[in-house]
């Protein structure tokens, strides 16, 4: 009964996310056509083409990656827990729709930092779950100590966090965006530590959140024996 309830929640949140991203993609495409290329000196702030291009790219990517749990489940016969899927959908909604489309990154202080902490913790927990799923698979014999499992969970989360930074760097380089905040709000190119600050801050927050989850998971799995090796 509880599983059916969670399944309905996943479906409902998935529909909300799908509609939000699809409508936002249409909106950003229309605004992209009409938006100016750059703000004229002395003119009030307004979003330019690069802003709407970023919004459109993020919405399209979100529509693609939201199908990832279903793809993983069908491709490798791995049952992703409903709780993780719900957290994943909530993260996409907060990062793309609220963050980019509703402008929360600029309206709410530390919104980006909160999301990176959330994603680092979520990915760390997912690392534990992956080992647990392999451990329960009769076709794969996994016998790992709680310490090694914690190290894997930490490395898994940090690696995906770094891949995200590579994604941001790639889009910035190809599309001329400013996802990594290498340019100030007035268009001045930053140099040195100032140019690296946003990227390094994101990686550090990812690593810190993943470490906390891995630290807690180590003692939990050691004390309660959540993850047991196969006989």
Foldseek 3Di string as FASTA:
>chain_A
DVQVVLVVVLVVLLVVLLVLLVVQLVVLVVCLVVFAQDDDPPDDDDDHNLLSVVLNVLSVVLNVCLCVQVCCCVVVVQHDDSVLNNLVSVLSCQCRRCVRVVVCPPVPPCSLLVSLLSQLQSQLVVLLVVLQRQQPDPVHFDDDALLVSLVRSLCRQLVVLVVVVVVVVVCCVPVVHCPQVQADPVGHGHDDCNNCVSVVSSSVSSNVSSNVNSVVSSCCCVVVVPRHGDD
